[in-house]
């Protein structure tokens, strides 16, 4: 079942940061789309995946994430 999840992401300061976070999220199995927004310090993800996998992917990319 596809769902939309929003996670908090801190540490993004530019468009490249947003792209890095989006790429990290898109690499997670089950993710269909991802959009990061540095101004709201969040990322919205559509797909069938566990939120802990999303947080781990963003953390691995060098940013701080929480659900």
PDB file of N, CA and C in Angstrom:
ATOM      1  N   UNK A   1       0.836  -1.172   0.000  1.00  0.00           N
ATOM      2  CA  UNK A   1       0.000   0.000   0.000  1.00  0.00           C
ATOM      3  C   UNK A   1       0.888   1.244   0.000  1.00  0.00           C
ATOM      4  N   UNK A   2       0.639   2.127  -0.932  1.00  0.00           N
ATOM      5  CA  UNK A   2       1.419   3.355  -1.032  1.00  0.00           C
ATOM      6  C   UNK A   2       0.894   4.379  -0.042  1.00  0.00           C
ATOM      7  N   UNK A   3       1.806   5.015   0.656  1.00  0.00           N
ATOM      8  CA  UNK A   3       1.419   6.053   1.608  1.00  0.00           C
ATOM      9  C   UNK A   3       2.378   7.228   1.481  1.00  0.00           C
ATOM     10  N   UNK A   4       1.978   8.348   2.046  1.00  0.00           N
ATOM     11  CA  UNK A   4       2.816   9.540   2.059  1.00  0.00           C
ATOM     12  C   UNK A   4       3.284   9.772   3.485  1.00  0.00           C
ATOM     13  N   UNK A   5       4.594   9.952   3.622  1.00  0.00           N
ATOM     14  CA  UNK A   5       5.177  10.202   4.934  1.00  0.00           C
ATOM     15  C   UNK A   5       6.011  11.464   4.857  1.00  0.00           C
ATOM     16  N   UNK A   6       6.024  12.209   5.949  1.00  0.00           N
ATOM     17  CA  UNK A   6       6.879  13.387   6.051  1.00  0.00           C
ATOM     18  C   UNK A   6       7.812  13.186   7.234  1.00  0.00           C
ATOM     19  N   UNK A   7       9.092  13.391   6.981  1.00  0.00           N
ATOM     20  CA  UNK A   7      10.077  13.298   8.049  1.00  0.00           C
ATOM     21  C   UNK A   7      10.769  14.649   8.204  1.00  0.00           C
ATOM     22  N   UNK A   8      11.294  14.892   9.380  1.00  0.00           N
ATOM     23  CA  UNK A   8      12.043  16.117   9.655  1.00  0.00           C
ATOM     24  C   UNK A   8      13.498  15.891   9.271  1.00  0.00           C
ATOM     25  N   UNK A   9      14.054  16.852   8.536  1.00  0.00           N
ATOM     26  CA  UNK A   9      15.457  16.764   8.119  1.00  0.00           C
ATOM     27  C   UNK A   9      16.131  18.094   8.434  1.00  0.00           C
ATOM     28  N   UNK A  10      17.145  18.065   9.267  1.00  0.00           N
ATOM     29  CA  UNK A  10      17.884  19.291   9.559  1.00  0.00           C
ATOM     30  C   UNK A  10      19.276  19.206   8.949  1.00  0.00           C
ATOM     31  N   UNK A  11      19.828  20.374   8.670  1.00  0.00           N
ATOM     32  CA  UNK A  11      21.177  20.437   8.116  1.00  0.00           C
ATOM     33  C   UNK A  11      21.229  20.773   6.639  1.00  0.00           C
ATOM     34  N   UNK A  12      20.083  20.873   5.969  1.00  0.00           N
ATOM     35  CA  UNK A  12      20.078  21.236   4.554  1.00  0.00           C
ATOM     36  C   UNK A  12      20.200  22.763   4.443  1.00  0.00           C
ATOM     37  N   UNK A  13      21.136  23.232   3.620  1.00  0.00           N
ATOM     38  CA  UNK A  13      21.335  24.673   3.500  1.00  0.00           C
ATOM     39  C   UNK A  13      21.255  25.186   2.060  1.00  0.00           C
ATOM     40  N   UNK A  14      21.137  24.270   1.077  1.00  0.00           N
ATOM     41  CA  UNK A  14      21.118  24.709  -0.318  1.00  0.00           C
ATOM     42  C   UNK A  14      20.378  23.685  -1.171  1.00  0.00           C
ATOM     43  N   UNK A  15      20.209  24.010  -2.440  1.00  0.00           N
ATOM     44  CA  UNK A  15      19.516  23.107  -3.365  1.00  0.00           C
ATOM     45  C   UNK A  15      20.259  21.776  -3.508  1.00  0.00           C
ATOM     46  N   UNK A  16      21.579  21.822  -3.465  1.00  0.00           N
ATOM     47  CA  UNK A  16      22.355  20.581  -3.565  1.00  0.00           C
ATOM     48  C   UNK A  16      22.066  19.665  -2.376  1.00  0.00           C
ATOM     49  N   UNK A  17      21.902  20.257  -1.204  1.00  0.00           N
ATOM     50  CA  UNK A  17      21.551  19.463  -0.018  1.00  0.00           C
ATOM     51  C   UNK A  17      20.209  18.767  -0.235  1.00  0.00           C
ATOM     52  N   UNK A  18      19.243  19.498  -0.763  1.00  0.00           N
ATOM     53  CA  UNK A  18      17.931  18.909  -1.032  1.00  0.00           C
ATOM     54  C   UNK A  18      18.057  17.736  -2.003  1.00  0.00           C
ATOM     55  N   UNK A  19      18.852  17.921  -3.053  1.00  0.00           N
ATOM     56  CA  UNK A  19      19.053  16.840  -4.028  1.00  0.00           C
ATOM     57  C   UNK A  19      19.701  15.621  -3.385  1.00  0.00           C
ATOM     58  N   UNK A  20      20.666  15.856  -2.522  1.00  0.00           N
ATOM     59  CA  UNK A  20      21.351  14.751  -1.842  1.00  0.00           C
ATOM     60  C   UNK A  20      20.370  13.958  -0.988  1.00  0.00           C
ATOM     61  N   UNK A  21      19.516  14.651  -0.242  1.00  0.00           N
ATOM     62  CA  UNK A  21      18.522  13.989   0.595  1.00  0.00           C
ATOM     63  C   UNK A  21      17.521  13.235  -0.281  1.00  0.00           C
ATOM     64  N   UNK A  22      17.056  13.860  -1.361  1.00  0.00           N
ATOM     65  CA  UNK A  22      16.106  13.197  -2.259  1.00  0.00           C
ATOM     66  C   UNK A  22      16.718  11.940  -2.865  1.00  0.00           C
ATOM     67  N   UNK A  23      17.966  12.022  -3.317  1.00  0.00           N
ATOM     68  CA  UNK A  23      18.639  10.852  -3.890  1.00  0.00           C
ATOM     69  C   UNK A  23      18.764   9.730  -2.866  1.00  0.00           C
ATOM     70  N   UNK A  24      19.088  10.087  -1.628  1.00  0.00           N
ATOM     71  CA  UNK A  24      19.216   9.079  -0.573  1.00  0.00           C
ATOM     72  C   UNK A  24      17.868   8.396  -0.332  1.00  0.00           C
ATOM     73  N   UNK A  25      16.803   9.164  -0.322  1.00  0.00           N
ATOM     74  CA  UNK A  25      15.474   8.596  -0.084  1.00  0.00           C
ATOM     75  C   UNK A  25      15.020   7.742  -1.262  1.00  0.00           C
ATOM     76  N   UNK A  26      15.295   8.197  -2.470  1.00  0.00           N
ATOM     77  CA  UNK A  26      14.891   7.433  -3.656  1.00  0.00           C
ATOM     78  C   UNK A  26      15.620   6.096  -3.760  1.00  0.00           C
ATOM     79  N   UNK A  27      16.759   5.992  -3.099  1.00  0.00           N
ATOM     80  CA  UNK A  27      17.522   4.739  -3.111  1.00  0.00           C
ATOM     81  C   UNK A  27      16.925   3.684  -2.178  1.00  0.00           C
ATOM     82  N   UNK A  28      15.996   4.092  -1.315  1.00  0.00           N
ATOM     83  CA  UNK A  28      15.366   3.154  -0.388  1.00  0.00           C
ATOM     84  C   UNK A  28      14.318   2.338  -1.136  1.00  0.00           C
ATOM     85  N   UNK A  29      14.367   1.040  -0.954  1.00  0.00           N
ATOM     86  CA  UNK A  29      13.419   0.146  -1.612  1.00  0.00           C
ATOM     87  C   UNK A  29      11.981   0.520  -1.255  1.00  0.00           C
ATOM     88  N   UNK A  30      11.131   0.647  -2.268  1.00  0.00           N
ATOM     89  CA  UNK A  30       9.729   0.949  -2.058  1.00  0.00           C
ATOM     90  C   UNK A  30       9.371   2.414  -2.214  1.00  0.00           C
ATOM     91  N   UNK A  31      10.375   3.290  -2.256  1.00  0.00           N
ATOM     92  CA  UNK A  31      10.108   4.722  -2.407  1.00  0.00           C
ATOM     93  C   UNK A  31       9.805   5.024  -3.866  1.00  0.00           C
ATOM     94  N   UNK A  32       8.684   5.701  -4.099  1.00  0.00           N
ATOM     95  CA  UNK A  32       8.270   6.065  -5.454  1.00  0.00           C
ATOM     96  C   UNK A  32       8.659   7.497  -5.795  1.00  0.00           C
ATOM     97  N   UNK A  33       8.590   8.396  -4.809  1.00  0.00           N
ATOM     98  CA  UNK A  33       8.995   9.780  -5.027  1.00  0.00           C
ATOM     99  C   UNK A  33       9.428  10.389  -3.705  1.00  0.00           C
ATOM    100  N   UNK A  34      10.276  11.409  -3.803  1.00  0.00           N
ATOM    101  CA  UNK A  34      10.770  12.094  -2.607  1.00  0.00           C
ATOM    102  C   UNK A  34      11.006  13.556  -2.940  1.00  0.00           C
ATOM    103  N   UNK A  35      10.612  14.424  -2.019  1.00  0.00           N
ATOM    104  CA  UNK A  35      10.829  15.852  -2.195  1.00  0.00           C
ATOM    105  C   UNK A  35      11.302  16.445  -0.877  1.00  0.00           C
ATOM    106  N   UNK A  36      12.498  17.029  -0.905  1.00  0.00           N
ATOM    107  CA  UNK A  36      13.067  17.659   0.284  1.00  0.00           C
ATOM    108  C   UNK A  36      12.875  19.168   0.198  1.00  0.00           C
ATOM    109  N   UNK A  37      12.665  19.798   1.347  1.00  0.00           N
ATOM    110  CA  UNK A  37      12.469  21.246   1.416  1.00  0.00           C
ATOM    111  C   UNK A  37      13.283  21.797   2.571  1.00  0.00           C
ATOM    112  N   UNK A  38      14.365  22.496   2.248  1.00  0.00           N
ATOM    113  CA  UNK A  38      15.265  23.010   3.292  1.00  0.00           C
ATOM    114  C   UNK A  38      14.595  24.068   4.152  1.00  0.00           C
ATOM    115  N   UNK A  39      13.669  24.846   3.573  1.00  0.00           N
ATOM    116  CA  UNK A  39      13.027  25.911   4.346  1.00  0.00           C
ATOM    117  C   UNK A  39      12.119  25.357   5.443  1.00  0.00           C
ATOM    118  N   UNK A  40      11.418  24.271   5.147  1.00  0.00           N
ATOM    119  CA  UNK A  40      10.552  23.673   6.168  1.00  0.00           C
ATOM    120  C   UNK A  40      11.268  22.573   6.946  1.00  0.00           C
ATOM    121  N   UNK A  41      12.534  22.314   6.579  1.00  0.00           N
ATOM    122  CA  UNK A  41      13.338  21.259   7.210  1.00  0.00           C
ATOM    123  C   UNK A  41      12.596  19.929   7.225  1.00  0.00           C
ATOM    124  N   UNK A  42      12.096  19.546   6.028  1.00  0.00           N
ATOM    125  CA  UNK A  42      11.350  18.300   5.941  1.00  0.00           C
ATOM    126  C   UNK A  42      11.560  17.643   4.587  1.00  0.00           C
ATOM    127  N   UNK A  43      11.140  16.400   4.524  1.00  0.00           N
ATOM    128  CA  UNK A  43      11.117  15.658   3.267  1.00  0.00           C
ATOM    129  C   UNK A  43       9.822  14.858   3.231  1.00  0.00           C
ATOM    130  N   UNK A  44       9.166  14.898   2.091  1.00  0.00           N
ATOM    131  CA  UNK A  44       7.931  14.147   1.899  1.00  0.00           C
ATOM    132  C   UNK A  44       8.211  12.999   0.941  1.00  0.00           C
ATOM    133  N   UNK A  45       7.789  11.813   1.350  1.00  0.00           N
ATOM    134  CA  UNK A  45       8.096  10.596   0.596  1.00  0.00           C
ATOM    135  C   UNK A  45       6.806   9.842   0.310  1.00  0.00           C
ATOM    136  N   UNK A  46       6.670   9.378  -0.929  1.00  0.00           N
ATOM    137  CA  UNK A  46       5.556   8.516  -1.286  1.00  0.00           C
ATOM    138  C   UNK A  46       6.109   7.135  -1.592  1.00  0.00           C
ATOM    139  N   UNK A  47       5.427   6.123  -1.083  1.00  0.00           N
ATOM    140  CA  UNK A  47       5.852   4.766  -1.349  1.00  0.00           C
ATOM    141  C   UNK A  47       5.467   3.829  -0.230  1.00  0.00           C
ATOM    142  N   UNK A  48       5.924   2.612  -0.363  1.00  0.00           N
ATOM    143  CA  UNK A  48       5.638   1.573   0.618  1.00  0.00           C
ATOM    144  C   UNK A  48       6.952   1.191   1.282  1.00  0.00           C
ATOM    145  N   UNK A  49       7.260   1.870   2.368  1.00  0.00           N
ATOM    146  CA  UNK A  49       8.517   1.624   3.071  1.00  0.00           C
ATOM    147  C   UNK A  49       8.365   1.991   4.541  1.00  0.00           C
ATOM    148  N   UNK A  50       9.266   1.499   5.341  1.00  0.00           N
ATOM    149  CA  UNK A  50       9.241   1.776   6.774  1.00  0.00           C
ATOM    150  C   UNK A  50       9.939   3.109   7.044  1.00  0.00           C
ATOM    151  N   UNK A  51       9.354   3.914   7.893  1.00  0.00           N
ATOM    152  CA  UNK A  51       9.910   5.240   8.186  1.00  0.00           C
ATOM    153  C   UNK A  51      11.316   5.144   8.774  1.00  0.00           C
ATOM    154  N   UNK A  52      11.618   4.085   9.495  1.00  0.00           N
ATOM    155  CA  UNK A  52      12.971   3.944  10.050  1.00  0.00           C
ATOM    156  C   UNK A  52      14.012   3.790   8.941  1.00  0.00           C
ATOM    157  N   UNK A  53      13.627   3.182   7.818  1.00  0.00           N
ATOM    158  CA  UNK A  53      14.543   3.070   6.676  1.00  0.00           C
ATOM    159  C   UNK A  53      14.806   4.438   6.053  1.00  0.00           C
ATOM    160  N   UNK A  54      13.774   5.281   6.028  1.00  0.00           N
ATOM    161  CA  UNK A  54      13.929   6.631   5.484  1.00  0.00           C
ATOM    162  C   UNK A  54      14.871   7.454   6.354  1.00  0.00           C
ATOM    163  N   UNK A  55      14.655   7.395   7.659  1.00  0.00           N
ATOM    164  CA  UNK A  55      15.505   8.138   8.602  1.00  0.00           C
ATOM    165  C   UNK A  55      16.948   7.666   8.484  1.00  0.00           C
ATOM    166  N   UNK A  56      17.157   6.374   8.404  1.00  0.00           N
ATOM    167  CA  UNK A  56      18.511   5.823   8.301  1.00  0.00           C
ATOM    168  C   UNK A  56      19.194   6.277   7.014  1.00  0.00           C
ATOM    169  N   UNK A  57      18.460   6.317   5.917  1.00  0.00           N
ATOM    170  CA  UNK A  57      19.041   6.736   4.634  1.00  0.00           C
ATOM    171  C   UNK A  57      19.493   8.193   4.689  1.00  0.00           C
ATOM    172  N   UNK A  58      18.679   9.047   5.286  1.00  0.00           N
ATOM    173  CA  UNK A  58      19.033  10.468   5.403  1.00  0.00           C
ATOM    174  C   UNK A  58      20.213  10.637   6.356  1.00  0.00           C
ATOM    175  N   UNK A  59      20.206   9.919   7.455  1.00  0.00           N
ATOM    176  CA  UNK A  59      21.330   9.971   8.397  1.00  0.00           C
ATOM    177  C   UNK A  59      22.621   9.538   7.704  1.00  0.00           C
ATOM    178  N   UNK A  60      22.545   8.464   6.918  1.00  0.00           N
ATOM    179  CA  UNK A  60      23.720   7.970   6.191  1.00  0.00           C
ATOM    180  C   UNK A  60      24.239   8.987   5.173  1.00  0.00           C
ATOM    181  N   UNK A  61      23.339   9.840   4.668  1.00  0.00           N
ATOM    182  CA  UNK A  61      23.728  10.870   3.697  1.00  0.00           C
ATOM    183  C   UNK A  61      24.356  12.092   4.369  1.00  0.00           C
ATOM    184  N   UNK A  62      24.368  12.101   5.711  1.00  0.00           N
ATOM    185  CA  UNK A  62      25.039  13.164   6.429  1.00  0.00           C
ATOM    186  C   UNK A  62      24.139  14.240   7.007  1.00  0.00           C
ATOM    187  N   UNK A  63      22.841  13.973   7.046  1.00  0.00           N
ATOM    188  CA  UNK A  63      21.896  14.941   7.598  1.00  0.00           C
ATOM    189  C   UNK A  63      21.177  14.306   8.790  1.00  0.00           C
ATOM    190  N   UNK A  64      20.582  15.119   9.629  1.00  0.00           N
ATOM    191  CA  UNK A  64      19.871  14.620  10.788  1.00  0.00           C
ATOM    192  C   UNK A  64      18.398  14.486  10.455  1.00  0.00           C
ATOM    193  N   UNK A  65      17.845  13.294  10.638  1.00  0.00           N
ATOM    194  CA  UNK A  65      16.439  13.047  10.311  1.00  0.00           C
ATOM    195  C   UNK A  65      15.722  12.419  11.491  1.00  0.00           C
ATOM    196  N   UNK A  66      14.425  12.683  11.564  1.00  0.00           N
ATOM    197  CA  UNK A  66      13.570  12.049  12.560  1.00  0.00           C
ATOM    198  C   UNK A  66      12.174  11.960  11.997  1.00  0.00           C
ATOM    199  N   UNK A  67      11.409  11.033  12.558  1.00  0.00           N
ATOM    200  CA  UNK A  67      10.051  10.847  12.063  1.00  0.00           C
ATOM    201  C   UNK A  67       9.060  11.689  12.834  1.00  0.00           C
TER     202      UNK A  67
END
